[in-house]
Amino acid sequence: MKLRALCSLINLMVLILICGNAHAQDIEQTRNALRGLSGVYVMPENPLEEDAIRGGLSQDNIRSEVEGKLRQAGIRVLSREEWEQAPGKPYLQVWPKVLKGGVLGGYIYHITVEFKQHVSLVRSPGIQVFGATWSVEHMGYTPDLKDIRDRMKDRIDKFVDAYLSVNPKK
């Protein structure tokens, strides 16, 4: 039993170390960064870990699910060509980091949903870089990869809520 707990702790620490930190969050100021958008491009993280792919997650199904939820909420999904022309090049990036749980089986995971767009430096407005201006994360353990998909959908719902809070339907 102690060995299981130790392995779980080690796996969790490794996951925390490889996941990094979010650069934004879901608060009033970051929601305001979504105001006035005409749509977003969906860009899944590339590449996914082998444990996620073996479990049935792929960039294509993540993109499909995310785009479906956005369209269902009335949020315009930009094509790659539209995204290239859109002011600020706004995109939503969704990715799960997944590790097989070792002796426990199951999966340790960290899901990040970030909205990124071109931002300018205050001290030098001519310099533009992509920056995360809104994000949510979720970390956990599950015996079933389907739970990870459900948690991803929950995070997308948070983005939809944030977007609609500053861009109400007319």
N, C-alpha and C. Protein backbone atom coordinates (compact mmCIF):
# COMPACT_ATOMS: atom_id res chain seq x y z
N MET A 1 0.82 -1.20 0.00
CA MET A 1 0.00 0.00 0.00
C MET A 1 0.86 1.26 0.00
N LYS A 2 1.94 1.26 0.81
CA LYS A 2 2.83 2.41 0.86
C LYS A 2 3.51 2.62 -0.48
N LEU A 3 3.85 1.54 -1.16
CA LEU A 3 4.49 1.63 -2.46
C LEU A 3 3.55 2.30 -3.46
N ARG A 4 2.28 1.94 -3.44
CA ARG A 4 1.29 2.57 -4.32
C ARG A 4 1.19 4.06 -4.07
N ALA A 5 1.12 4.45 -2.81
CA ALA A 5 1.02 5.86 -2.46
C ALA A 5 2.26 6.61 -2.91
N LEU A 6 3.44 6.02 -2.71
CA LEU A 6 4.68 6.65 -3.13
C LEU A 6 4.72 6.82 -4.65
N CYS A 7 4.34 5.78 -5.38
CA CYS A 7 4.31 5.86 -6.85
C CYS A 7 3.34 6.94 -7.31
N SER A 8 2.20 7.02 -6.68
CA SER A 8 1.21 8.05 -7.04
C SER A 8 1.77 9.44 -6.79
N LEU A 9 2.41 9.63 -5.67
CA LEU A 9 3.00 10.92 -5.34
C LEU A 9 4.08 11.30 -6.34
N ILE A 10 4.94 10.36 -6.68
CA ILE A 10 6.01 10.62 -7.65
C ILE A 10 5.39 10.98 -9.00
N ASN A 11 4.39 10.22 -9.45
CA ASN A 11 3.74 10.52 -10.73
C ASN A 11 3.12 11.91 -10.71
N LEU A 12 2.48 12.28 -9.62
CA LEU A 12 1.85 13.59 -9.52
C LEU A 12 2.90 14.70 -9.57
N MET A 13 4.02 14.51 -8.87
CA MET A 13 5.08 15.52 -8.89
C MET A 13 5.66 15.67 -10.29
N VAL A 14 5.87 14.57 -11.00
CA VAL A 14 6.37 14.63 -12.37
C VAL A 14 5.39 15.39 -13.25
N LEU A 15 4.12 15.11 -13.09
CA LEU A 15 3.10 15.80 -13.88
C LEU A 15 3.12 17.30 -13.62
N ILE A 16 3.22 17.69 -12.38
CA ILE A 16 3.26 19.11 -12.04
C ILE A 16 4.48 19.77 -12.67
N LEU A 17 5.62 19.09 -12.65
CA LEU A 17 6.84 19.66 -13.21
C LEU A 17 6.77 19.82 -14.72
N ILE A 18 6.17 18.86 -15.42
CA ILE A 18 6.13 18.96 -16.88
C ILE A 18 5.01 19.86 -17.38
N CYS A 19 4.05 20.16 -16.55
CA CYS A 19 2.91 20.95 -17.00
C CYS A 19 3.19 22.45 -17.04
N GLY A 20 4.05 22.94 -16.21
CA GLY A 20 4.32 24.37 -16.18
C GLY A 20 3.17 25.14 -15.57
N ASN A 21 3.21 26.44 -15.70
CA ASN A 21 2.21 27.31 -15.12
C ASN A 21 1.39 28.00 -16.19
N ALA A 22 0.18 28.32 -15.87
CA ALA A 22 -0.65 29.09 -16.78
C ALA A 22 -0.22 30.55 -16.71
N HIS A 23 -0.46 31.28 -17.78
CA HIS A 23 -0.06 32.68 -17.84
C HIS A 23 -1.24 33.61 -17.62
N ALA A 24 -2.42 33.12 -17.62
CA ALA A 24 -3.62 33.93 -17.42
C ALA A 24 -4.59 33.08 -16.61
N GLN A 25 -5.78 33.61 -16.41
CA GLN A 25 -6.79 32.87 -15.68
C GLN A 25 -8.17 33.37 -16.09
N ASP A 26 -9.21 32.85 -15.48
CA ASP A 26 -10.57 33.26 -15.80
C ASP A 26 -11.05 34.25 -14.74
N ILE A 27 -10.73 35.52 -14.94
CA ILE A 27 -11.18 36.59 -14.06
C ILE A 27 -11.68 37.74 -14.94
N GLU A 28 -12.27 38.75 -14.33
CA GLU A 28 -12.87 39.84 -15.10
C GLU A 28 -11.89 40.46 -16.10
N GLN A 29 -10.66 40.73 -15.67
CA GLN A 29 -9.70 41.36 -16.57
C GLN A 29 -9.37 40.48 -17.77
N THR A 30 -9.22 39.18 -17.54
CA THR A 30 -8.89 38.32 -18.68
C THR A 30 -10.11 38.08 -19.56
N ARG A 31 -11.29 38.08 -18.97
CA ARG A 31 -12.50 37.97 -19.79
C ARG A 31 -12.62 39.17 -20.72
N ASN A 32 -12.21 40.35 -20.24
CA ASN A 32 -12.28 41.54 -21.09
C ASN A 32 -11.38 41.42 -22.32
N ALA A 33 -10.35 40.59 -22.25
CA ALA A 33 -9.49 40.36 -23.41
C ALA A 33 -10.21 39.59 -24.51
N LEU A 34 -11.39 39.05 -24.21
CA LEU A 34 -12.20 38.33 -25.20
C LEU A 34 -13.23 39.23 -25.86
N ARG A 35 -13.41 40.42 -25.32
CA ARG A 35 -14.45 41.35 -25.81
C ARG A 35 -14.18 41.77 -27.25
N GLY A 36 -15.25 41.73 -28.06
CA GLY A 36 -15.16 42.22 -29.42
C GLY A 36 -14.61 41.24 -30.45
N LEU A 37 -14.36 40.01 -30.04
CA LEU A 37 -13.84 39.03 -30.99
C LEU A 37 -14.95 38.62 -31.96
N SER A 38 -14.58 38.47 -33.22
CA SER A 38 -15.57 38.02 -34.20
C SER A 38 -15.58 36.50 -34.33
N GLY A 39 -14.59 35.85 -33.72
CA GLY A 39 -14.49 34.40 -33.77
C GLY A 39 -13.13 33.97 -33.28
N VAL A 40 -12.94 32.66 -33.22
CA VAL A 40 -11.65 32.11 -32.78
C VAL A 40 -11.27 30.91 -33.65
N TYR A 41 -10.00 30.69 -33.74
CA TYR A 41 -9.45 29.52 -34.41
C TYR A 41 -9.14 28.49 -33.33
N VAL A 42 -9.33 27.22 -33.60
CA VAL A 42 -9.04 26.17 -32.63
C VAL A 42 -7.74 25.48 -33.03
N MET A 43 -6.81 25.45 -32.08
CA MET A 43 -5.50 24.87 -32.35
C MET A 43 -5.13 23.89 -31.24
N PRO A 44 -5.36 22.59 -31.45
CA PRO A 44 -4.95 21.63 -30.42
C PRO A 44 -3.43 21.60 -30.30
N GLU A 45 -2.96 21.23 -29.12
CA GLU A 45 -1.51 21.14 -28.88
C GLU A 45 -0.93 20.06 -29.77
N ASN A 46 0.28 20.27 -30.20
CA ASN A 46 0.95 19.33 -31.08
C ASN A 46 2.32 19.02 -30.50
N PRO A 47 2.72 17.82 -30.33
CA PRO A 47 1.96 16.57 -30.41
C PRO A 47 1.42 16.18 -29.02
N LEU A 48 0.47 15.28 -29.02
CA LEU A 48 -0.04 14.71 -27.76
C LEU A 48 0.89 13.59 -27.31
N GLU A 49 0.86 13.29 -26.03
CA GLU A 49 1.66 12.20 -25.51
C GLU A 49 1.10 10.86 -26.00
N GLU A 50 1.98 9.88 -26.09
CA GLU A 50 1.59 8.54 -26.56
C GLU A 50 0.48 7.93 -25.71
N ASP A 51 0.50 8.13 -24.39
CA ASP A 51 -0.54 7.57 -23.53
C ASP A 51 -1.91 8.12 -23.90
N ALA A 52 -1.97 9.40 -24.29
CA ALA A 52 -3.24 10.01 -24.69
C ALA A 52 -3.69 9.44 -26.04
N ILE A 53 -2.77 9.33 -26.96
CA ILE A 53 -3.10 8.81 -28.30
C ILE A 53 -3.55 7.36 -28.20
N ARG A 54 -2.81 6.53 -27.46
CA ARG A 54 -3.19 5.13 -27.29
C ARG A 54 -4.56 5.01 -26.63
N GLY A 55 -4.90 5.96 -25.79
CA GLY A 55 -6.19 5.94 -25.11
C GLY A 55 -7.33 6.47 -25.95
N GLY A 56 -7.03 6.95 -27.17
CA GLY A 56 -8.10 7.39 -28.06
C GLY A 56 -8.22 8.89 -28.24
N LEU A 57 -7.36 9.67 -27.62
CA LEU A 57 -7.38 11.12 -27.85
C LEU A 57 -6.51 11.44 -29.07
N SER A 58 -6.98 12.29 -29.91
CA SER A 58 -6.18 12.73 -31.05
C SER A 58 -6.44 14.21 -31.28
N GLN A 59 -5.54 14.85 -31.99
CA GLN A 59 -5.72 16.26 -32.30
C GLN A 59 -7.02 16.48 -33.08
N ASP A 60 -7.31 15.57 -34.00
CA ASP A 60 -8.52 15.72 -34.81
C ASP A 60 -9.79 15.63 -33.96
N ASN A 61 -9.86 14.64 -33.04
CA ASN A 61 -11.10 14.56 -32.26
C ASN A 61 -11.20 15.67 -31.23
N ILE A 62 -10.07 16.15 -30.70
CA ILE A 62 -10.12 17.30 -29.80
C ILE A 62 -10.62 18.52 -30.55
N ARG A 63 -10.04 18.79 -31.74
CA ARG A 63 -10.46 19.94 -32.55
C ARG A 63 -11.95 19.85 -32.87
N SER A 64 -12.38 18.68 -33.27
CA SER A 64 -13.78 18.46 -33.63
C SER A 64 -14.73 18.74 -32.46
N GLU A 65 -14.39 18.21 -31.29
CA GLU A 65 -15.23 18.41 -30.11
C GLU A 65 -15.27 19.88 -29.70
N VAL A 66 -14.11 20.53 -29.72
CA VAL A 66 -14.04 21.93 -29.31
C VAL A 66 -14.82 22.80 -30.29
N GLU A 67 -14.59 22.61 -31.58
CA GLU A 67 -15.30 23.41 -32.59
C GLU A 67 -16.80 23.19 -32.48
N GLY A 68 -17.24 21.96 -32.24
CA GLY A 68 -18.66 21.67 -32.09
C GLY A 68 -19.28 22.42 -30.92
N LYS A 69 -18.57 22.43 -29.78
CA LYS A 69 -19.09 23.15 -28.60
C LYS A 69 -19.15 24.65 -28.85
N LEU A 70 -18.14 25.19 -29.53
CA LEU A 70 -18.15 26.63 -29.83
C LEU A 70 -19.30 26.99 -30.76
N ARG A 71 -19.45 26.22 -31.82
CA ARG A 71 -20.54 26.50 -32.78
C ARG A 71 -21.91 26.38 -32.10
N GLN A 72 -22.06 25.36 -31.28
CA GLN A 72 -23.32 25.15 -30.57
C GLN A 72 -23.66 26.36 -29.70
N ALA A 73 -22.63 27.03 -29.17
CA ALA A 73 -22.83 28.21 -28.32
C ALA A 73 -22.98 29.50 -29.14
N GLY A 74 -22.86 29.37 -30.46
CA GLY A 74 -22.98 30.55 -31.31
C GLY A 74 -21.69 31.33 -31.48
N ILE A 75 -20.56 30.72 -31.15
CA ILE A 75 -19.26 31.36 -31.31
C ILE A 75 -18.69 30.94 -32.67
N ARG A 76 -18.34 31.91 -33.47
CA ARG A 76 -17.83 31.64 -34.81
C ARG A 76 -16.45 30.98 -34.73
N VAL A 77 -16.28 29.90 -35.48
CA VAL A 77 -15.00 29.21 -35.55
C VAL A 77 -14.33 29.64 -36.85
N LEU A 78 -13.15 30.22 -36.73
CA LEU A 78 -12.43 30.72 -37.90
C LEU A 78 -11.68 29.59 -38.61
N SER A 79 -11.68 29.66 -39.93
CA SER A 79 -10.84 28.75 -40.71
C SER A 79 -9.39 29.24 -40.58
N ARG A 80 -8.46 28.45 -41.01
CA ARG A 80 -7.04 28.86 -40.94
C ARG A 80 -6.83 30.15 -41.73
N GLU A 81 -7.46 30.26 -42.89
CA GLU A 81 -7.30 31.46 -43.74
C GLU A 81 -7.90 32.69 -43.05
N GLU A 82 -9.07 32.52 -42.44
CA GLU A 82 -9.70 33.63 -41.72
C GLU A 82 -8.84 34.04 -40.52
N TRP A 83 -8.28 33.06 -39.85
CA TRP A 83 -7.43 33.32 -38.69
C TRP A 83 -6.21 34.15 -39.09
N GLU A 84 -5.61 33.81 -40.23
CA GLU A 84 -4.43 34.54 -40.71
C GLU A 84 -4.73 36.02 -40.91
N GLN A 85 -5.98 36.35 -41.27
CA GLN A 85 -6.37 37.73 -41.55
C GLN A 85 -7.00 38.44 -40.35
N ALA A 86 -7.38 37.70 -39.34
CA ALA A 86 -8.09 38.29 -38.20
C ALA A 86 -7.16 39.17 -37.36
N PRO A 87 -7.67 40.33 -36.91
CA PRO A 87 -6.86 41.18 -36.04
C PRO A 87 -6.47 40.42 -34.76
N GLY A 88 -5.19 40.39 -34.49
CA GLY A 88 -4.70 39.71 -33.29
C GLY A 88 -4.52 38.22 -33.42
N LYS A 89 -4.97 37.65 -34.53
CA LYS A 89 -4.87 36.19 -34.76
C LYS A 89 -5.30 35.39 -33.52
N PRO A 90 -6.56 35.53 -33.11
CA PRO A 90 -7.02 34.86 -31.87
C PRO A 90 -7.19 33.36 -32.05
N TYR A 91 -6.67 32.61 -31.08
CA TYR A 91 -6.89 31.17 -31.15
C TYR A 91 -7.03 30.56 -29.76
N LEU A 92 -7.75 29.45 -29.73
CA LEU A 92 -7.98 28.70 -28.51
C LEU A 92 -7.15 27.43 -28.60
N GLN A 93 -6.32 27.22 -27.62
CA GLN A 93 -5.46 26.04 -27.60
C GLN A 93 -5.92 25.13 -26.47
N VAL A 94 -6.11 23.87 -26.81
CA VAL A 94 -6.62 22.89 -25.85
C VAL A 94 -5.67 21.70 -25.86
N TRP A 95 -5.20 21.33 -24.67
CA TRP A 95 -4.40 20.12 -24.65
C TRP A 95 -4.41 19.44 -23.30
N PRO A 96 -4.47 18.12 -23.37
CA PRO A 96 -4.30 17.32 -22.15
C PRO A 96 -2.87 16.78 -22.11
N LYS A 97 -2.26 16.83 -20.97
CA LYS A 97 -1.00 16.12 -20.75
C LYS A 97 -1.41 14.88 -19.95
N VAL A 98 -1.07 13.73 -20.47
CA VAL A 98 -1.56 12.48 -19.89
C VAL A 98 -0.39 11.54 -19.61
N LEU A 99 -0.37 11.00 -18.40
CA LEU A 99 0.61 9.98 -18.03
C LEU A 99 -0.12 8.75 -17.53
N LYS A 100 0.28 7.61 -18.04
CA LYS A 100 -0.27 6.36 -17.51
C LYS A 100 0.11 6.28 -16.05
N GLY A 101 -0.83 5.85 -15.19
CA GLY A 101 -0.66 5.92 -13.75
C GLY A 101 0.24 4.90 -13.10
N GLY A 102 1.08 4.19 -13.84
CA GLY A 102 2.01 3.23 -13.25
C GLY A 102 1.29 2.09 -12.57
N VAL A 103 1.70 1.76 -11.34
CA VAL A 103 1.12 0.61 -10.64
C VAL A 103 -0.35 0.81 -10.33
N LEU A 104 -0.81 2.04 -10.34
CA LEU A 104 -2.22 2.30 -10.07
C LEU A 104 -3.09 2.04 -11.29
N GLY A 105 -2.48 1.99 -12.46
CA GLY A 105 -3.29 1.95 -13.66
C GLY A 105 -3.93 3.31 -13.83
N GLY A 106 -4.82 3.46 -14.75
CA GLY A 106 -5.47 4.75 -14.93
C GLY A 106 -4.52 5.81 -15.44
N TYR A 107 -4.95 7.07 -15.31
CA TYR A 107 -4.21 8.17 -15.90
C TYR A 107 -4.11 9.35 -14.94
N ILE A 108 -2.94 9.95 -14.88
CA ILE A 108 -2.75 11.22 -14.22
C ILE A 108 -2.75 12.24 -15.36
N TYR A 109 -3.49 13.33 -15.19
CA TYR A 109 -3.61 14.25 -16.32
C TYR A 109 -3.62 15.71 -15.87
N HIS A 110 -3.34 16.56 -16.82
CA HIS A 110 -3.39 18.01 -16.63
C HIS A 110 -3.94 18.59 -17.93
N ILE A 111 -5.06 19.27 -17.84
CA ILE A 111 -5.70 19.86 -19.01
C ILE A 111 -5.52 21.36 -18.96
N THR A 112 -5.11 21.93 -20.07
CA THR A 112 -4.98 23.38 -20.18
C THR A 112 -5.80 23.84 -21.37
N VAL A 113 -6.61 24.87 -21.15
CA VAL A 113 -7.32 25.55 -22.23
C VAL A 113 -6.88 27.00 -22.15
N GLU A 114 -6.22 27.47 -23.21
CA GLU A 114 -5.71 28.84 -23.24
C GLU A 114 -6.20 29.56 -24.48
N PHE A 115 -6.59 30.80 -24.27
CA PHE A 115 -6.92 31.67 -25.39
C PHE A 115 -5.70 32.56 -25.61
N LYS A 116 -5.18 32.55 -26.83
CA LYS A 116 -3.99 33.33 -27.15
C LYS A 116 -4.29 34.29 -28.30
N GLN A 117 -3.57 35.39 -28.28
CA GLN A 117 -3.69 36.37 -29.36
C GLN A 117 -2.43 37.23 -29.35
N HIS A 118 -2.24 37.98 -30.45
CA HIS A 118 -1.12 38.91 -30.47
C HIS A 118 -1.33 39.98 -29.40
N VAL A 119 -0.30 40.25 -28.65
CA VAL A 119 -0.32 41.32 -27.67
C VAL A 119 0.89 42.20 -27.92
N SER A 120 0.80 43.46 -27.50
CA SER A 120 1.91 44.41 -27.67
C SER A 120 2.50 44.74 -26.32
N LEU A 121 3.77 45.03 -26.32
CA LEU A 121 4.43 45.46 -25.10
C LEU A 121 4.09 46.92 -24.83
N VAL A 122 3.78 47.25 -23.60
CA VAL A 122 3.46 48.63 -23.24
C VAL A 122 4.65 49.54 -23.52
N ARG A 123 5.85 49.09 -23.17
CA ARG A 123 7.03 49.92 -23.34
C ARG A 123 7.48 50.05 -24.80
N SER A 124 6.98 49.14 -25.65
CA SER A 124 7.36 49.17 -27.06
C SER A 124 6.23 48.56 -27.89
N PRO A 125 5.17 49.35 -28.15
CA PRO A 125 3.98 48.81 -28.82
C PRO A 125 4.21 48.18 -30.19
N GLY A 126 5.32 48.49 -30.81
CA GLY A 126 5.61 47.88 -32.11
C GLY A 126 5.99 46.41 -32.01
N ILE A 127 6.32 45.96 -30.81
CA ILE A 127 6.68 44.55 -30.61
C ILE A 127 5.41 43.80 -30.26
N GLN A 128 5.07 42.81 -31.11
CA GLN A 128 3.90 41.97 -30.88
C GLN A 128 4.33 40.52 -30.75
N VAL A 129 3.76 39.84 -29.77
CA VAL A 129 4.01 38.42 -29.56
C VAL A 129 2.68 37.76 -29.21
N PHE A 130 2.61 36.44 -29.36
CA PHE A 130 1.42 35.74 -28.91
C PHE A 130 1.49 35.64 -27.38
N GLY A 131 0.37 35.92 -26.75
CA GLY A 131 0.30 35.81 -25.30
C GLY A 131 -1.01 35.17 -24.89
N ALA A 132 -0.96 34.38 -23.82
CA ALA A 132 -2.18 33.80 -23.27
C ALA A 132 -2.88 34.90 -22.47
N THR A 133 -4.09 35.24 -22.90
CA THR A 133 -4.83 36.31 -22.23
C THR A 133 -6.02 35.78 -21.43
N TRP A 134 -6.28 34.49 -21.52
CA TRP A 134 -7.33 33.84 -20.74
C TRP A 134 -6.98 32.36 -20.67
N SER A 135 -7.17 31.74 -19.51
CA SER A 135 -6.89 30.29 -19.43
C SER A 135 -7.57 29.66 -18.22
N VAL A 136 -7.78 28.36 -18.32
CA VAL A 136 -8.21 27.53 -17.20
C VAL A 136 -7.44 26.21 -17.29
N GLU A 137 -7.29 25.58 -16.14
CA GLU A 137 -6.58 24.31 -16.08
C GLU A 137 -7.32 23.35 -15.16
N HIS A 138 -6.99 22.09 -15.29
CA HIS A 138 -7.54 21.08 -14.37
C HIS A 138 -6.55 19.93 -14.31
N MET A 139 -6.29 19.46 -13.11
CA MET A 139 -5.39 18.34 -12.92
C MET A 139 -6.11 17.28 -12.11
N GLY A 140 -5.82 16.02 -12.43
CA GLY A 140 -6.46 14.96 -11.67
C GLY A 140 -5.94 13.59 -12.02
N TYR A 141 -6.63 12.61 -11.47
CA TYR A 141 -6.34 11.20 -11.72
C TYR A 141 -7.66 10.52 -12.03
N THR A 142 -7.64 9.61 -12.99
CA THR A 142 -8.85 8.85 -13.32
C THR A 142 -8.46 7.48 -13.86
N PRO A 143 -9.28 6.49 -13.59
CA PRO A 143 -9.02 5.17 -14.18
C PRO A 143 -9.49 5.09 -15.64
N ASP A 144 -10.27 6.09 -16.10
CA ASP A 144 -10.89 6.02 -17.41
C ASP A 144 -10.58 7.28 -18.22
N LEU A 145 -10.01 7.11 -19.41
CA LEU A 145 -9.67 8.24 -20.27
C LEU A 145 -10.89 9.07 -20.64
N LYS A 146 -12.07 8.48 -20.64
CA LYS A 146 -13.30 9.22 -20.96
C LYS A 146 -13.49 10.39 -19.97
N ASP A 147 -13.08 10.19 -18.72
CA ASP A 147 -13.19 11.26 -17.73
C ASP A 147 -12.36 12.47 -18.14
N ILE A 148 -11.21 12.22 -18.76
CA ILE A 148 -10.35 13.33 -19.21
C ILE A 148 -11.07 14.12 -20.29
N ARG A 149 -11.71 13.41 -21.22
CA ARG A 149 -12.49 14.10 -22.26
C ARG A 149 -13.60 14.94 -21.63
N ASP A 150 -14.28 14.39 -20.63
CA ASP A 150 -15.35 15.13 -19.95
C ASP A 150 -14.79 16.38 -19.27
N ARG A 151 -13.63 16.27 -18.63
CA ARG A 151 -13.03 17.44 -17.98
C ARG A 151 -12.61 18.48 -19.01
N MET A 152 -12.15 18.02 -20.19
CA MET A 152 -11.81 18.97 -21.26
C MET A 152 -13.06 19.72 -21.69
N LYS A 153 -14.16 19.00 -21.84
CA LYS A 153 -15.42 19.64 -22.23
C LYS A 153 -15.86 20.66 -21.18
N ASP A 154 -15.67 20.33 -19.91
CA ASP A 154 -16.00 21.28 -18.84
C ASP A 154 -15.18 22.56 -18.97
N ARG A 155 -13.90 22.43 -19.31
CA ARG A 155 -13.04 23.61 -19.47
C ARG A 155 -13.47 24.43 -20.69
N ILE A 156 -13.90 23.76 -21.74
CA ILE A 156 -14.39 24.49 -22.92
C ILE A 156 -15.66 25.24 -22.55
N ASP A 157 -16.52 24.63 -21.75
CA ASP A 157 -17.72 25.33 -21.27
C ASP A 157 -17.35 26.60 -20.51
N LYS A 158 -16.27 26.56 -19.76
CA LYS A 158 -15.82 27.76 -19.04
C LYS A 158 -15.40 28.85 -20.03
N PHE A 159 -14.73 28.44 -21.12
CA PHE A 159 -14.36 29.43 -22.13
C PHE A 159 -15.62 30.02 -22.76
N VAL A 160 -16.57 29.17 -23.11
CA VAL A 160 -17.83 29.64 -23.70
C VAL A 160 -18.50 30.64 -22.77
N ASP A 161 -18.59 30.32 -21.50
CA ASP A 161 -19.19 31.24 -20.52
C ASP A 161 -18.45 32.57 -20.47
N ALA A 162 -17.11 32.50 -20.45
CA ALA A 162 -16.31 33.72 -20.40
C ALA A 162 -16.52 34.56 -21.67
N TYR A 163 -16.49 33.91 -22.82
CA TYR A 163 -16.67 34.60 -24.09
C TYR A 163 -18.05 35.28 -24.15
N LEU A 164 -19.09 34.53 -23.80
CA LEU A 164 -20.45 35.06 -23.88
C LEU A 164 -20.70 36.14 -22.81
N SER A 165 -19.95 36.12 -21.73
CA SER A 165 -20.14 37.15 -20.70
C SER A 165 -19.73 38.53 -21.20
N VAL A 166 -18.82 38.59 -22.16
CA VAL A 166 -18.39 39.89 -22.70
C VAL A 166 -18.81 40.10 -24.15
N ASN A 167 -19.39 39.07 -24.76
CA ASN A 167 -19.91 39.14 -26.13
C ASN A 167 -21.30 38.50 -26.17
N PRO A 168 -22.27 39.14 -25.49
CA PRO A 168 -23.60 38.51 -25.42
C PRO A 168 -24.21 38.38 -26.81
N LYS A 169 -25.03 37.32 -26.97
CA LYS A 169 -25.74 37.13 -28.23
C LYS A 169 -26.73 38.25 -28.41
N LYS A 170 -26.88 38.68 -29.63
CA LYS A 170 -27.79 39.80 -29.91
C LYS A 170 -29.18 39.30 -30.23
